[in-house]
Protein backbone atom coordinates (compact mmCIF):
# COMPACT_ATOMS: atom_id res chain seq x y z
CA MET A 1 -33.37 43.60 26.31
CA ILE A 2 -34.88 40.26 25.92
CA LYS A 3 -37.28 39.45 23.01
CA GLY A 4 -39.54 36.55 23.58
CA LEU A 5 -41.63 34.07 21.23
CA PHE A 6 -44.61 35.72 19.58
CA ILE A 7 -47.78 33.14 19.71
CA GLU A 8 -51.56 34.18 19.80
CA GLY A 9 -51.02 37.84 19.14
CA LYS A 10 -48.66 38.58 21.93
CA VAL A 11 -44.95 38.25 23.25
CA VAL A 12 -44.59 35.02 25.24
CA THR A 13 -41.59 34.64 27.62
CA PRO A 14 -39.41 31.91 26.40
CA LYS A 15 -37.82 29.07 28.48
CA ASN A 16 -34.43 29.63 26.89
CA THR A 17 -32.57 32.50 25.24
CA TYR A 18 -29.62 33.26 23.12
CA THR A 19 -27.36 36.31 22.38
CA VAL A 20 -27.80 38.08 19.12
CA GLN A 21 -24.56 40.31 18.48
CA HIS A 22 -23.74 42.99 16.20
CA PRO A 23 -21.42 41.66 13.37
CA HIS A 24 -19.34 44.87 12.67
CA THR A 25 -18.74 45.85 16.40
CA GLU A 26 -19.59 42.39 18.31
CA GLU A 27 -21.63 44.07 20.82
CA GLN A 28 -24.64 42.70 22.18
CA VAL A 29 -28.05 43.46 20.42
CA ALA A 30 -30.39 41.54 22.28
CA GLU A 31 -31.33 38.42 24.16
CA VAL A 32 -33.77 36.48 21.83
CA ALA A 33 -35.89 33.43 22.49
CA ASP A 34 -34.44 30.06 21.82
CA ALA A 35 -37.31 28.11 21.10
CA THR A 36 -37.93 24.43 22.18
CA GLU A 37 -39.82 21.89 20.34
CA GLU A 38 -42.67 22.29 22.50
CA GLU A 39 -42.83 26.11 21.94
CA MET A 40 -43.10 25.63 18.21
CA GLN A 41 -45.94 22.98 18.92
CA GLU A 42 -47.76 25.67 20.85
CA ALA A 43 -47.41 28.07 17.62
CA ILE A 44 -48.57 25.55 15.49
CA ASP A 45 -51.56 25.09 17.69
CA SER A 46 -52.35 28.68 17.84
CA ALA A 47 -52.06 29.05 13.78
CA PHE A 48 -54.11 25.97 13.39
CA LYS A 49 -57.00 27.38 15.63
CA ALA A 50 -56.68 30.85 14.00
CA PHE A 51 -57.33 29.37 10.63
CA GLY A 52 -60.97 29.35 10.93
CA LYS A 53 -60.76 33.13 11.49
CA MET A 54 -58.60 33.98 8.84
CA LYS A 55 -60.61 32.06 6.19
CA ALA A 56 -63.84 33.39 7.21
CA LEU A 57 -62.56 37.01 6.63
CA SER A 58 -63.55 38.57 3.47
CA SER A 59 -60.98 39.34 0.82
CA GLY A 60 -61.59 43.06 1.37
CA ASP A 61 -60.94 42.44 5.06
CA ARG A 62 -57.69 40.92 4.34
CA ALA A 63 -56.71 43.55 2.03
CA GLU A 64 -57.42 46.26 4.54
CA ILE A 65 -55.27 44.44 7.26
CA LEU A 66 -52.29 44.34 4.89
CA ASN A 67 -52.78 48.01 4.06
CA ARG A 68 -53.10 49.07 7.46
CA ALA A 69 -49.90 47.04 8.12
CA ALA A 70 -48.14 48.72 5.30
CA ASN A 71 -48.98 52.14 6.64
CA LEU A 72 -47.75 51.48 10.06
CA LEU A 73 -44.65 50.09 8.73
CA GLU A 74 -44.10 53.39 6.58
CA GLU A 75 -44.54 55.27 9.85
CA GLU A 76 -42.03 53.31 11.58
CA LYS A 77 -39.63 53.08 8.80
CA GLU A 78 -36.48 54.49 10.54
CA ASP A 79 -37.25 52.44 13.86
CA PHE A 80 -37.19 49.14 11.49
CA ALA A 81 -34.23 50.34 9.32
CA GLN A 82 -32.23 50.72 12.46
CA THR A 83 -33.19 47.26 13.71
CA ILE A 84 -32.07 45.63 10.29
CA ALA A 85 -28.75 47.45 10.53
CA LEU A 86 -27.95 46.36 13.94
CA GLU A 87 -28.86 42.51 13.44
CA ALA A 88 -27.80 42.18 9.80
CA CYS A 89 -25.09 44.65 9.77
CA LYS A 90 -26.82 45.98 6.72
CA PRO A 91 -25.69 49.61 5.50
CA ILE A 92 -28.31 51.96 6.82
CA THR A 93 -29.01 53.17 3.32
CA ALA A 94 -29.71 49.56 2.03
CA ALA A 95 -31.74 48.93 5.42
CA ARG A 96 -34.34 51.85 4.75
CA GLY A 97 -34.48 50.75 1.05
CA GLU A 98 -35.55 47.23 2.34
CA VAL A 99 -38.18 48.81 4.41
CA ASP A 100 -39.45 50.87 1.66
CA ARG A 101 -39.57 47.51 -0.44
CA SER A 102 -41.36 45.68 2.44
CA VAL A 103 -44.13 48.42 2.45
CA GLN A 104 -44.58 47.95 -1.19
CA THR A 105 -44.79 44.33 -0.94
CA LEU A 106 -47.43 44.51 1.70
CA ARG A 107 -49.51 46.92 -0.55
CA PHE A 108 -49.03 44.46 -3.57
CA SER A 109 -50.31 41.70 -1.06
CA GLY A 110 -53.22 43.97 -0.26
CA ASP A 111 -54.09 44.40 -3.80
CA GLU A 112 -53.65 40.70 -4.77
CA ALA A 113 -55.90 39.75 -1.96
CA LYS A 114 -58.98 41.26 -3.90
CA HIS A 115 -58.18 39.55 -7.12
CA ILE A 116 -57.66 35.91 -6.13
CA GLY A 117 -59.90 34.64 -8.94
CA GLY A 118 -60.48 31.45 -10.89
CA GLU A 119 -61.65 30.93 -14.39
CA TYR A 120 -65.01 29.58 -16.07
CA ILE A 121 -64.74 26.14 -17.87
CA PRO A 122 -66.99 25.34 -20.61
CA LEU A 123 -67.62 21.64 -19.93
CA ASP A 124 -69.86 21.29 -22.79
CA ALA A 125 -66.55 21.17 -25.00
CA ALA A 126 -66.63 17.52 -23.99
CA LYS A 127 -68.96 14.94 -25.01
CA GLY A 128 -71.66 14.52 -22.29
CA GLY A 129 -70.77 17.74 -20.61
CA GLU A 130 -73.74 19.70 -22.09
CA GLY A 131 -75.87 21.67 -19.64
CA ARG A 132 -73.13 22.12 -17.36
CA ASP A 133 -71.43 25.25 -16.07
CA ALA A 134 -68.25 25.04 -14.10
CA TYR A 135 -65.67 27.40 -12.51
CA THR A 136 -62.42 27.18 -10.24
CA VAL A 137 -61.87 29.01 -6.93
CA HIS A 138 -58.54 29.20 -4.94
CA GLU A 139 -59.02 28.18 -1.57
CA PRO A 140 -56.55 28.84 1.41
CA MET A 141 -54.40 25.98 2.62
CA GLY A 142 -54.21 26.47 6.27
CA VAL A 143 -51.13 26.86 8.24
CA VAL A 144 -47.70 28.05 6.24
CA GLY A 145 -44.33 27.33 7.78
CA ALA A 146 -41.77 29.91 6.68
CA ILE A 147 -38.13 29.61 7.21
CA THR A 148 -36.29 32.89 6.19
CA PRO A 149 -32.71 33.93 5.98
CA PHE A 150 -30.56 36.60 7.48
CA ASN A 151 -29.87 39.00 4.41
CA PHE A 152 -33.33 40.42 4.02
CA PRO A 153 -34.64 39.86 7.64
CA LEU A 154 -38.01 42.05 6.79
CA ASN A 155 -38.78 41.90 3.09
CA LEU A 156 -38.03 38.21 2.65
CA VAL A 157 -40.28 37.77 5.70
CA VAL A 158 -42.96 39.94 4.29
CA HIS A 159 -42.67 37.98 0.96
CA LYS A 160 -43.99 35.04 2.68
CA VAL A 161 -46.22 36.54 5.33
CA GLY A 162 -48.09 38.96 2.83
CA PRO A 163 -49.10 36.38 0.15
CA ALA A 164 -49.91 33.88 3.06
CA LEU A 165 -52.54 36.31 4.71
CA ALA A 166 -53.60 37.42 1.57
CA ALA A 167 -54.69 34.31 0.57
CA GLY A 168 -56.38 33.67 4.04
CA ASN A 169 -53.93 31.48 5.83
CA THR A 170 -51.95 31.40 8.72
CA ILE A 171 -48.25 31.50 9.05
CA ILE A 172 -45.39 30.51 11.57
CA VAL A 173 -42.06 32.50 10.79
CA LYS A 174 -38.94 30.60 11.84
CA PRO A 175 -36.42 33.65 11.22
CA ALA A 176 -32.75 33.38 10.76
CA GLU A 177 -30.85 32.81 14.15
CA GLN A 178 -28.81 36.11 13.62
CA THR A 179 -31.71 38.33 12.37
CA PRO A 180 -34.99 37.35 14.57
CA LEU A 181 -35.51 41.07 15.59
CA SER A 182 -37.06 42.41 12.54
CA SER A 183 -39.83 39.59 12.16
CA LEU A 184 -40.66 39.84 15.88
CA LYS A 185 -41.29 43.54 15.42
CA LEU A 186 -43.18 42.84 12.09
CA ALA A 187 -45.79 40.29 13.98
CA GLU A 188 -46.20 43.21 16.61
CA LEU A 189 -47.24 45.55 14.01
CA PHE A 190 -49.72 43.13 12.41
CA THR A 191 -51.58 42.84 15.59
CA LYS A 192 -51.75 46.79 15.77
CA ALA A 193 -53.28 46.39 12.21
CA GLY A 194 -56.16 44.16 13.42
CA LEU A 195 -54.72 40.78 12.25
CA PRO A 196 -56.72 38.00 14.44
CA ASN A 197 -54.65 36.67 17.12
CA GLY A 198 -52.64 33.35 16.06
CA ALA A 199 -52.56 34.20 12.45
CA PHE A 200 -48.87 35.20 12.40
CA ASN A 201 -46.63 33.62 14.73
CA VAL A 202 -42.69 33.89 15.09
CA ILE A 203 -40.62 31.29 16.59
CA PRO A 204 -36.65 32.01 16.79
CA GLY A 205 -34.21 29.53 17.56
CA ASP A 206 -32.23 26.48 16.05
CA GLY A 207 -33.10 25.95 12.49
CA PRO A 208 -32.79 22.08 12.13
CA LYS A 209 -34.77 21.51 15.60
CA LEU A 210 -37.59 23.84 14.95
CA GLY A 211 -37.77 23.01 11.11
CA LYS A 212 -38.38 19.32 11.68
CA VAL A 213 -41.41 20.06 14.19
CA LEU A 214 -42.75 22.15 11.10
CA LEU A 215 -41.96 19.26 8.67
CA ASP A 216 -43.34 16.61 11.06
CA ASP A 217 -46.66 17.88 11.86
CA SER A 218 -49.57 17.26 9.37
CA ARG A 219 -51.27 20.49 10.33
CA VAL A 220 -48.47 22.64 8.43
CA GLN A 221 -49.78 22.37 4.90
CA LYS A 222 -46.93 24.49 3.07
CA ILE A 223 -43.24 24.98 3.71
CA SER A 224 -41.61 28.27 2.16
CA PHE A 225 -38.04 28.20 2.74
CA THR A 226 -35.25 30.61 1.62
CA GLY A 227 -31.58 29.48 2.45
CA SER A 228 -28.85 27.24 1.08
CA PRO A 229 -29.42 24.50 -1.45
CA VAL A 230 -28.07 21.70 1.16
CA VAL A 231 -30.84 22.58 3.62
CA GLY A 232 -33.53 23.22 0.82
CA LYS A 233 -32.90 19.73 -0.73
CA LEU A 234 -33.23 18.24 2.71
CA ILE A 235 -36.43 19.83 3.52
CA LYS A 236 -37.92 18.70 0.02
CA SER A 237 -36.89 15.11 0.68
CA GLN A 238 -38.66 15.40 4.25
CA ALA A 239 -41.84 17.32 3.29
CA GLY A 240 -44.01 14.33 2.34
CA MET A 241 -47.19 15.52 0.90
CA LYS A 242 -46.81 19.18 2.02
CA ARG A 243 -46.28 21.87 -0.76
CA VAL A 244 -42.90 23.38 -0.84
CA THR A 245 -41.26 26.48 -2.09
CA LEU A 246 -37.66 26.62 -2.10
CA GLU A 247 -35.41 29.80 -2.91
CA LEU A 248 -31.75 28.54 -2.82
CA GLY A 249 -29.60 31.13 -4.31
CA SER A 250 -27.24 31.46 -7.25
CA ASN A 251 -24.08 32.65 -8.54
CA SER A 252 -25.56 35.20 -11.04
CA ALA A 253 -23.94 35.95 -14.25
CA LEU A 254 -23.98 39.17 -16.74
CA TYR A 255 -22.70 39.58 -20.22
CA ILE A 256 -21.67 42.78 -21.81
CA ASP A 257 -21.55 43.00 -25.65
CA GLU A 258 -19.60 44.97 -27.79
CA SER A 259 -22.63 46.97 -29.14
CA SER A 260 -22.75 48.51 -25.51
CA LYS A 261 -19.27 50.13 -26.00
CA GLY A 262 -20.83 53.57 -25.74
CA SER A 263 -22.26 52.70 -22.39
CA LEU A 264 -19.37 50.80 -20.67
CA GLU A 265 -18.89 53.51 -17.57
CA ASP A 266 -22.57 53.48 -16.82
CA ILE A 267 -22.85 49.62 -17.07
CA ALA A 268 -19.54 49.31 -15.00
CA SER A 269 -21.10 51.65 -12.26
CA LYS A 270 -24.30 49.46 -12.21
CA ALA A 271 -22.26 46.42 -12.06
CA VAL A 272 -20.34 47.56 -9.13
CA THR A 273 -23.41 48.12 -7.19
CA GLY A 274 -24.88 44.69 -8.20
CA ALA A 275 -21.73 42.96 -7.07
CA PHE A 276 -20.91 44.76 -3.88
CA VAL A 277 -24.38 45.98 -2.26
CA TYR A 278 -24.82 44.67 1.06
CA ASN A 279 -21.32 42.99 0.88
CA GLY A 280 -22.54 40.79 -2.04
CA GLN A 281 -24.71 38.87 0.54
CA VAL A 282 -27.67 38.87 -2.10
CA CYS A 283 -29.09 35.61 -3.64
CA ILE A 284 -28.73 37.55 -7.13
CA SER A 285 -25.49 39.32 -6.21
CA THR A 286 -23.67 39.85 -9.83
CA GLN A 287 -20.82 37.18 -9.18
CA ARG A 288 -19.77 36.43 -12.72
CA ILE A 289 -19.25 39.10 -15.51
CA TYR A 290 -18.42 37.94 -19.18
CA VAL A 291 -17.30 40.98 -21.30
CA HIS A 292 -16.77 40.81 -25.04
CA GLU A 293 -13.05 40.80 -25.77
CA SER A 294 -13.22 44.03 -27.82
CA VAL A 295 -14.52 46.05 -24.87
CA PHE A 296 -12.93 44.05 -22.14
CA GLU A 297 -9.89 46.27 -21.22
CA ALA A 298 -12.04 49.33 -21.29
CA PHE A 299 -14.67 47.86 -19.09
CA LYS A 300 -12.25 46.13 -16.52
CA GLN A 301 -10.52 49.61 -16.21
CA SER A 302 -13.73 51.25 -15.23
CA PHE A 303 -15.08 48.62 -13.04
CA VAL A 304 -11.95 48.42 -10.84
CA LEU A 305 -11.76 52.21 -10.62
CA ASN A 306 -15.49 52.17 -9.47
CA THR A 307 -14.64 49.43 -7.14
CA LYS A 308 -11.88 51.10 -5.43
CA ASP A 309 -14.18 54.02 -4.57
CA VAL A 310 -16.92 51.70 -2.84
CA PRO A 311 -16.83 52.92 0.88
CA PHE A 312 -16.31 50.41 3.45
CA GLY A 313 -17.34 51.44 6.97
CA ASP A 314 -19.74 51.18 9.91
CA PRO A 315 -23.28 50.07 8.68
CA LEU A 316 -25.05 53.11 10.62
CA ASP A 317 -22.91 55.43 8.54
CA ASP A 318 -25.15 56.84 5.39
CA ASN A 319 -21.86 56.62 3.18
CA THR A 320 -21.13 52.85 3.86
CA MET A 321 -21.61 50.47 1.11
CA VAL A 322 -19.86 47.63 2.22
CA THR A 323 -19.24 46.56 5.71
CA SER A 324 -18.59 43.35 8.22
CA LEU A 325 -19.99 40.26 6.86
CA ILE A 326 -22.63 38.46 8.80
CA ASN A 327 -20.23 36.33 10.82
CA LYS A 328 -16.47 35.72 11.08
CA LYS A 329 -16.96 32.19 9.41
CA SER A 330 -18.00 33.62 6.40
CA GLN A 331 -15.19 36.05 6.21
CA GLN A 332 -12.77 33.17 6.61
CA ARG A 333 -14.38 31.04 4.06
CA ILE A 334 -14.43 33.64 1.33
CA LEU A 335 -10.67 34.82 1.88
CA GLU A 336 -9.82 31.20 1.64
CA TRP A 337 -11.88 31.05 -1.75
CA ILE A 338 -10.06 34.11 -2.94
CA ASN A 339 -6.48 32.53 -2.00
CA GLU A 340 -7.36 29.26 -3.57
CA ALA A 341 -8.14 31.02 -6.78
CA VAL A 342 -5.10 33.20 -6.96
CA GLU A 343 -2.96 29.93 -6.22
CA SER A 344 -4.43 28.30 -9.16
CA GLY A 345 -3.57 31.20 -11.37
CA ALA A 346 -6.28 34.03 -10.96
CA LYS A 347 -5.22 37.62 -11.12
CA LEU A 348 -6.21 39.81 -8.08
CA LEU A 349 -7.07 43.18 -9.59
CA THR A 350 -8.15 44.95 -6.26
CA GLY A 351 -9.42 43.84 -2.74
CA GLY A 352 -9.08 40.42 -1.39
CA GLU A 353 -8.14 41.88 2.30
CA ALA A 354 -9.87 41.42 5.36
CA LYS A 355 -11.10 44.59 6.93
CA ALA A 356 -12.91 44.60 10.58
CA ASN A 357 -15.08 41.48 10.22
CA GLY A 358 -15.51 41.81 6.47
CA ILE A 359 -13.56 41.91 3.17
CA LEU A 360 -12.76 44.77 1.10
CA PRO A 361 -14.69 44.56 -2.40
CA THR A 362 -12.62 42.04 -4.59
CA VAL A 363 -12.14 41.61 -8.35
CA LEU A 364 -10.62 38.68 -9.87
CA THR A 365 -9.72 37.89 -13.41
CA ASP A 366 -7.98 34.61 -15.45
CA ILE A 367 -10.40 32.56 -13.51
CA LYS A 368 -10.92 28.66 -14.03
CA SER A 369 -14.27 27.46 -14.34
CA THR A 370 -13.69 25.08 -11.62
CA ASP A 371 -12.35 27.88 -9.00
CA LYS A 372 -15.06 28.07 -6.09
CA VAL A 373 -15.18 31.75 -6.64
CA SER A 374 -16.72 31.00 -10.15
CA CYS A 375 -18.61 27.67 -9.62
CA GLN A 376 -20.16 28.24 -6.14
CA GLU A 377 -22.09 30.89 -4.55
CA ILE A 378 -19.52 32.96 -2.68
CA PHE A 379 -22.29 35.38 -0.85
CA GLY A 380 -19.70 37.92 -0.31
CA PRO A 381 -17.96 41.23 -1.99
CA VAL A 382 -16.12 39.23 -4.77
CA VAL A 383 -16.71 39.12 -8.52
CA ILE A 384 -15.00 37.71 -11.43
CA ILE A 385 -14.46 39.31 -14.92
CA GLN A 386 -13.48 37.30 -17.74
CA PRO A 387 -13.44 38.23 -21.59
CA VAL A 388 -15.39 36.23 -24.20
CA LYS A 389 -15.16 36.10 -28.04
CA ASN A 390 -18.79 36.33 -28.53
CA HIS A 391 -22.34 35.96 -27.05
CA GLU A 392 -22.11 32.24 -27.89
CA GLU A 393 -19.19 31.64 -25.66
CA ALA A 394 -20.83 34.00 -23.23
CA LEU A 395 -24.01 31.78 -23.16
CA ASN A 396 -22.08 28.58 -22.59
CA LEU A 397 -20.04 29.99 -19.53
CA MET A 398 -23.26 31.51 -17.89
CA ASN A 399 -25.03 28.23 -18.24
CA ASN A 400 -22.11 26.21 -16.95
CA SER A 401 -23.36 26.42 -13.28
CA ASP A 402 -25.44 24.24 -11.10
CA PHE A 403 -27.61 27.64 -10.27
CA GLY A 404 -30.02 29.48 -12.42
CA LEU A 405 -31.83 32.14 -10.72
CA ASN A 406 -31.12 35.43 -12.59
CA ALA A 407 -29.13 36.49 -15.44
CA GLY A 408 -28.21 39.79 -16.85
CA ILE A 409 -27.38 41.07 -20.64
CA PHE A 410 -26.25 44.36 -21.91
CA THR A 411 -26.66 44.39 -25.75
CA ASN A 412 -28.19 46.72 -28.31
CA ASN A 413 -28.70 43.72 -30.72
CA LEU A 414 -32.26 42.71 -30.37
CA GLN A 415 -31.68 39.34 -32.21
CA GLN A 416 -28.75 38.57 -29.76
CA ALA A 417 -30.76 39.63 -26.84
CA LEU A 418 -33.67 37.29 -27.54
CA GLU A 419 -31.28 34.36 -28.32
CA MET A 420 -29.68 34.60 -25.14
CA ALA A 421 -32.71 35.19 -23.22
CA HIS A 422 -34.29 32.21 -24.50
CA GLY A 423 -31.14 30.07 -24.14
CA LEU A 424 -30.09 31.06 -20.54
CA GLU A 425 -30.93 28.35 -18.33
CA VAL A 426 -32.43 30.65 -15.39
CA GLY A 427 -35.71 31.60 -14.05
CA GLN A 428 -35.37 35.44 -14.94
CA VAL A 429 -33.38 37.09 -17.71
CA LEU A 430 -32.86 40.93 -17.52
CA VAL A 431 -31.95 42.65 -20.57
CA ASN A 432 -29.91 45.89 -20.35
CA ASP A 433 -30.11 45.41 -16.47
CA ILE A 434 -27.72 43.91 -14.03
CA PRO A 435 -28.80 40.40 -12.51
CA THR A 436 -29.10 42.03 -9.21
CA THR A 437 -32.49 43.43 -10.08
CA ARG A 438 -35.91 42.22 -8.36
CA PHE A 439 -39.30 43.98 -8.09
CA ASP A 440 -41.55 42.69 -5.42
CA HIS A 441 -44.52 41.90 -7.71
CA MET A 442 -42.55 40.01 -10.48
CA PRO A 443 -42.33 36.18 -10.51
CA TYR A 444 -39.23 35.23 -8.74
CA GLY A 445 -37.87 31.62 -8.95
CA GLY A 446 -34.88 29.54 -10.02
CA VAL A 447 -34.08 26.26 -12.04
CA LYS A 448 -31.44 23.52 -11.16
CA SER A 449 -29.99 24.10 -7.64
CA SER A 450 -31.39 27.55 -7.43
CA GLY A 451 -34.93 26.57 -6.15
CA TYR A 452 -38.37 25.23 -6.65
CA GLY A 453 -41.45 26.98 -7.15
CA HIS A 454 -41.92 30.93 -7.19
CA GLU A 455 -42.10 33.99 -5.18
CA GLY A 456 -43.40 37.44 -6.18
CA VAL A 457 -46.77 38.21 -4.38
CA LYS A 458 -49.28 36.94 -7.09
CA TYR A 459 -47.28 34.05 -7.77
CA ALA A 460 -46.78 33.13 -4.08
CA ILE A 461 -50.37 33.39 -3.60
CA LYS A 462 -51.01 30.71 -6.18
CA GLU A 463 -48.52 28.30 -4.44
CA MET A 464 -50.38 28.78 -1.22
CA THR A 465 -53.91 28.14 -2.23
CA ARG A 466 -55.54 25.11 -3.70
CA LEU A 467 -57.57 24.86 -6.83
CA LYS A 468 -61.13 23.71 -6.52
CA MET A 469 -63.63 23.12 -9.48
CA ILE A 470 -67.28 23.78 -8.90
CA SER A 471 -69.65 22.16 -11.41
CA LEU A 472 -73.42 23.21 -11.92
CA ASN A 473 -75.82 20.83 -14.08
CA TYR A 474 -78.48 23.22 -14.82
CA ARG A 475 -80.36 20.33 -16.97
CA PHE A 476 -80.75 18.17 -13.93
């Protein structure tokens, strides 16, 4: 099966291809276009030409297209879920959940398309401004370049495509090399939904090579990137006057207070899901857990017992929660980090072993803050649990990170919850929820090395439009 480029509303035969393999079985899934710089240029030409049509569409028309796409995606849910499971090695139940979220994200985008409003500005508040009415409008920017990761090959694409189209822009998606199939299928689906040809293009292939074309072309007005901090910082340094949104991951922390002692088993169950869902390959995966010392032992026992029950298996099995990692390189790196931590004094409570092309769910304690499993983003099925004396110590440890995306707190003490919520150096604080919590209409963005700008449909739209003020002098 050969999957080509998607340009000008149709599949285009590529000059070159590469093989996408199933990470769990290592079987070939498809031959996919390995785009050249010239082919990326063709996509930019197409998107630039289509911008006039997109800009001319009414907000109601854009909303209808997005809602038709959502309906089509819902009808094709199982087909898309199977594709995600094969290319991303995502457990099928999680893949179905991703499709459901993508449908919802498209509907949020359709809703927001009809509410992209400005504000009235009373210019007579300034001396000399008498007799003038003024208002602002949000106008589309033009061509948006989106560079997306492997871990949510559909929903994180939709989080860029939906807002871009809702705002009246056109978009070019450069998907992760391992997971281009979902975005190619999505582009075809949008054509069926009535999107103008050229408004949504998909160009698979080498990230650095194709990303440079997007960065160098002045017609691309915005870059939206989700991926590693190293690449994100490089993009920002090379973007010039382009607007940039960067979502760069984290090592999300969770604090469990002694006031939660009556709910420890329930919290442990939720935290296990947050740590190990989709092998921990989630930007907001629960990686660091700090527990008040008075309830630490009870929580630790419950957490480890729950971890040992996490099913490892084939991603197409409905019972599987953890499976092979996205590639063997990731497996080797994570095993090295676990071994380094143990050699420096950490205690391995469970897991730490390779299985197939993955790693069994792993729990560590007695960790040093300098261990990679603590201070870096592990992006794998590994979590650390540490006791703390009080919430002040927990707050200091949670903030002792180069990252700051999501953080969670479990407490029944309102004053403590608010104190920590205001003190945590992150973009989102979830009180009485695990940090591995995201709803598709909420603002989503990090601080420090976790990113720059915001996603979440309404907030992404604002970052994909230009604000213009119009003044009317009615005393002229």
